[in-house]
């Protein structure tokens, strides 16, 4: 029994010595890592990369600043291109009627609501339009809206058949939600 206790004692002391040596070795390794200076090349490359990104941002901002008068002139030119509020509504209705007839569509309903944009001197006109026709006519009408001399934004388009009984070959009913703008008469 006493010999068994001595063997256990030596095993425990050996294990403690190994753990203590490993702990001291890891402590020395950790100290060396913490004390190791950062390489100047890495820091330099990191700072150089940040500088390039900042220079690109500054160049972009300067380009925008230089282009601003041209952009502002284009915006003013566009606003003067818009029809005046006094005659714009009837001209827009006539234009939509002409596009529908040219495409072979029948306008079923046309409703508009106006919203004043006083800060810009414009009026936003929302147009809800329902047309009947075949697929080709609808495609020509939307293409005509895109190519029109007037400015239209198609916000939404809902497609359905006029009558479910007629099936896939029946006429289509298309509800469009458009936007356009009118300028205040100067």
Protein backbone atom coordinates (compact mmCIF):
# COMPACT_ATOMS: atom_id res chain seq x y z
CA UNK A 1 0.00 0.00 0.00
CA UNK A 2 2.73 2.59 0.82
CA UNK A 3 4.43 1.82 -2.49
CA UNK A 4 1.12 2.33 -4.32
CA UNK A 5 0.73 5.76 -2.67
CA UNK A 6 4.27 6.76 -3.70
CA UNK A 7 3.58 5.73 -7.30
CA UNK A 8 0.41 7.81 -7.33
CA UNK A 9 2.21 10.74 -5.79
CA UNK A 10 4.92 10.62 -8.47
CA UNK A 11 2.32 10.36 -11.25
CA UNK A 12 0.48 13.40 -9.89
CA UNK A 13 3.69 15.40 -9.46
CA UNK A 14 4.81 14.45 -12.99
CA UNK A 15 1.45 15.52 -14.42
CA UNK A 16 1.66 18.81 -12.50
CA UNK A 17 5.19 19.40 -13.77
CA UNK A 18 4.11 18.78 -17.36
CA UNK A 19 1.13 21.16 -16.98
CA UNK A 20 3.33 23.80 -15.33
CA UNK A 21 5.92 23.53 -18.11
CA UNK A 22 3.17 23.81 -20.78
CA UNK A 23 1.70 26.83 -18.98
CA UNK A 24 5.09 28.55 -18.82
CA UNK A 25 5.72 27.75 -22.50
CA UNK A 26 2.34 29.19 -23.56
CA UNK A 27 2.95 32.27 -21.40
CA UNK A 28 6.27 32.92 -23.10
CA UNK A 29 4.70 32.39 -26.56
CA UNK A 30 1.83 34.76 -25.72
CA UNK A 31 4.27 37.41 -24.47
CA UNK A 32 6.31 37.19 -27.67
CA UNK A 33 3.18 37.56 -29.82
CA UNK A 34 2.02 40.60 -27.86
CA UNK A 35 5.46 42.18 -27.91
CA UNK A 36 6.03 41.56 -31.63
CA UNK A 37 5.87 44.85 -33.50
CA UNK A 38 3.41 45.20 -36.36
CA UNK A 39 5.18 45.18 -39.64
CA UNK A 40 5.37 48.60 -41.20
CA UNK A 41 4.63 47.13 -44.64
CA UNK A 42 1.25 45.81 -43.51
CA UNK A 43 0.31 49.07 -41.86
CA UNK A 44 1.51 51.03 -44.89
CA UNK A 45 -0.53 48.88 -47.30
CA UNK A 46 -3.64 49.22 -45.14
CA UNK A 47 -3.29 53.00 -44.94
CA UNK A 48 -2.52 53.22 -48.66
CA UNK A 49 -5.69 51.24 -49.45
CA UNK A 50 -7.79 53.55 -47.21
CA UNK A 51 -6.22 56.58 -48.93
CA UNK A 52 -7.12 55.25 -52.40
CA UNK A 53 -10.74 54.75 -51.35
CA UNK A 54 -10.93 58.27 -49.91
CA UNK A 55 -9.38 59.74 -53.07
CA UNK A 56 -11.99 57.97 -55.21
CA UNK A 57 -14.74 59.44 -53.02
CA UNK A 58 -13.26 62.94 -53.30
CA UNK A 59 -12.85 62.58 -57.09
CA UNK A 60 -16.46 61.44 -57.39
CA UNK A 61 -17.68 64.40 -55.33
CA UNK A 62 -15.63 66.84 -57.41
CA UNK A 63 -17.00 65.32 -60.62
CA UNK A 64 -20.55 65.72 -59.33
CA UNK A 65 -19.82 69.34 -58.36
CA UNK A 66 -18.40 70.09 -61.82
CA UNK A 67 -21.36 68.44 -63.59
CA UNK A 68 -23.98 70.16 -61.40
CA UNK A 69 -24.54 73.24 -63.64
CA UNK A 70 -25.02 70.97 -66.67
CA UNK A 71 -27.38 68.70 -64.72
CA UNK A 72 -29.35 71.69 -63.44
CA UNK A 73 -29.65 73.08 -66.98
CA UNK A 74 -30.90 69.68 -68.21
CA UNK A 75 -33.50 69.58 -65.44
CA UNK A 76 -34.71 73.09 -66.28
CA UNK A 77 -34.83 72.18 -69.98
CA UNK A 78 -36.91 69.10 -69.11
CA UNK A 79 -39.29 71.14 -66.94
CA UNK A 80 -39.82 73.65 -69.76
CA UNK A 81 -40.50 70.71 -72.10
CA UNK A 82 -43.49 69.67 -69.92
CA UNK A 83 -46.87 70.99 -71.03
CA UNK A 84 -48.34 73.90 -69.06
CA UNK A 85 -51.01 73.13 -66.48
CA UNK A 86 -53.58 75.30 -68.28
CA UNK A 87 -53.66 73.13 -71.42
CA UNK A 88 -51.75 70.05 -70.30
CA UNK A 89 -54.71 67.98 -69.12
CA UNK A 90 -56.60 68.19 -72.40
CA UNK A 91 -53.41 67.68 -74.43
CA UNK A 92 -52.59 64.59 -72.34
CA UNK A 93 -56.08 63.14 -72.83
CA UNK A 94 -55.88 63.77 -76.57
CA UNK A 95 -52.43 62.15 -76.70
CA UNK A 96 -53.64 59.04 -74.83
CA UNK A 97 -56.69 58.80 -77.12
CA UNK A 98 -54.45 59.04 -80.18
CA UNK A 99 -52.05 56.39 -78.87
CA UNK A 100 -54.95 54.04 -78.07
CA UNK A 101 -56.52 54.47 -81.53
CA UNK A 102 -53.16 54.01 -83.23
CA UNK A 103 -52.60 50.79 -81.24
CA UNK A 104 -56.14 49.52 -81.93
CA UNK A 105 -57.36 49.78 -78.34
CA UNK A 106 -60.57 51.11 -76.88
CA UNK A 107 -60.31 53.32 -73.80
CA UNK A 108 -62.99 52.22 -71.32
CA UNK A 109 -62.20 54.56 -68.41
CA UNK A 110 -59.83 57.44 -67.88
CA UNK A 111 -59.54 59.19 -64.52
CA UNK A 112 -56.92 61.59 -63.29
CA UNK A 113 -56.00 63.16 -59.99
CA UNK A 114 -53.66 66.08 -59.59
CA UNK A 115 -51.22 66.81 -56.80
CA UNK A 116 -49.42 70.14 -56.55
CA UNK A 117 -45.65 70.04 -56.08
CA UNK A 118 -45.31 73.67 -55.07
CA UNK A 119 -41.60 73.49 -54.23
CA UNK A 120 -40.81 72.69 -57.89
CA UNK A 121 -43.66 74.58 -59.55
CA UNK A 122 -45.06 71.34 -60.99
CA UNK A 123 -48.26 69.37 -60.81
CA UNK A 124 -48.11 65.59 -60.66
CA UNK A 125 -50.98 63.98 -62.55
CA UNK A 126 -51.92 60.41 -61.67
CA UNK A 127 -53.85 58.72 -64.47
CA UNK A 128 -55.90 55.56 -64.05
CA UNK A 129 -56.72 54.16 -67.47
CA UNK A 130 -58.56 51.00 -68.52
CA UNK A 131 -58.35 49.77 -72.11
CA UNK A 132 -59.71 46.78 -74.04
CA UNK A 133 -57.97 45.02 -76.91
CA UNK A 134 -55.82 42.09 -77.91
CA UNK A 135 -52.28 41.41 -76.69
CA UNK A 136 -50.60 42.99 -79.72
CA UNK A 137 -52.62 46.18 -79.29
CA UNK A 138 -51.70 46.40 -75.62
CA UNK A 139 -48.02 45.93 -76.46
CA UNK A 140 -48.22 48.65 -79.16
CA UNK A 141 -49.97 50.99 -76.71
CA UNK A 142 -47.31 50.55 -74.00
CA UNK A 143 -44.61 50.98 -76.64
CA UNK A 144 -46.37 54.14 -77.80
CA UNK A 145 -46.37 55.46 -74.23
CA UNK A 146 -42.63 54.89 -74.02
CA UNK A 147 -41.98 56.62 -77.36
CA UNK A 148 -44.48 59.44 -76.90
CA UNK A 149 -43.31 63.03 -77.11
CA UNK A 150 -45.15 63.51 -73.81
CA UNK A 151 -43.60 62.22 -70.58
CA UNK A 152 -45.37 59.22 -69.01
CA UNK A 153 -44.31 56.92 -66.19
CA UNK A 154 -46.08 53.54 -66.08
CA UNK A 155 -46.42 52.75 -62.36
CA UNK A 156 -48.56 49.67 -62.72
CA UNK A 157 -50.29 47.45 -65.22
CA UNK A 158 -52.99 44.89 -64.40
CA UNK A 159 -54.01 42.42 -67.08
CA UNK A 160 -57.18 40.30 -67.21
CA UNK A 161 -59.53 38.88 -69.81
CA UNK A 162 -62.69 40.85 -70.44
CA UNK A 163 -64.87 37.82 -69.83
CA UNK A 164 -63.74 34.57 -68.26
CA UNK A 165 -66.12 32.66 -70.57
CA UNK A 166 -64.20 33.74 -73.67
CA UNK A 167 -61.00 32.02 -72.51
CA UNK A 168 -57.45 32.76 -73.56
CA UNK A 169 -58.32 34.09 -77.04
CA UNK A 170 -60.75 36.74 -75.79
CA UNK A 171 -60.00 40.46 -75.62
CA UNK A 172 -57.87 41.69 -72.76
CA UNK A 173 -58.78 44.35 -70.25
CA UNK A 174 -55.76 46.25 -69.03
CA UNK A 175 -55.79 48.69 -66.15
CA UNK A 176 -52.84 51.08 -66.20
CA UNK A 177 -51.69 53.51 -63.59
CA UNK A 178 -49.61 56.29 -65.14
CA UNK A 179 -47.98 59.46 -63.92
CA UNK A 180 -47.03 62.60 -65.76
CA UNK A 181 -46.16 66.14 -64.80
CA UNK A 182 -47.40 69.57 -65.81
CA UNK A 183 -45.57 72.84 -65.22
CA UNK A 184 -46.99 76.06 -63.93
CA UNK A 185 -47.47 78.51 -66.76
CA UNK A 186 -44.70 81.12 -66.75
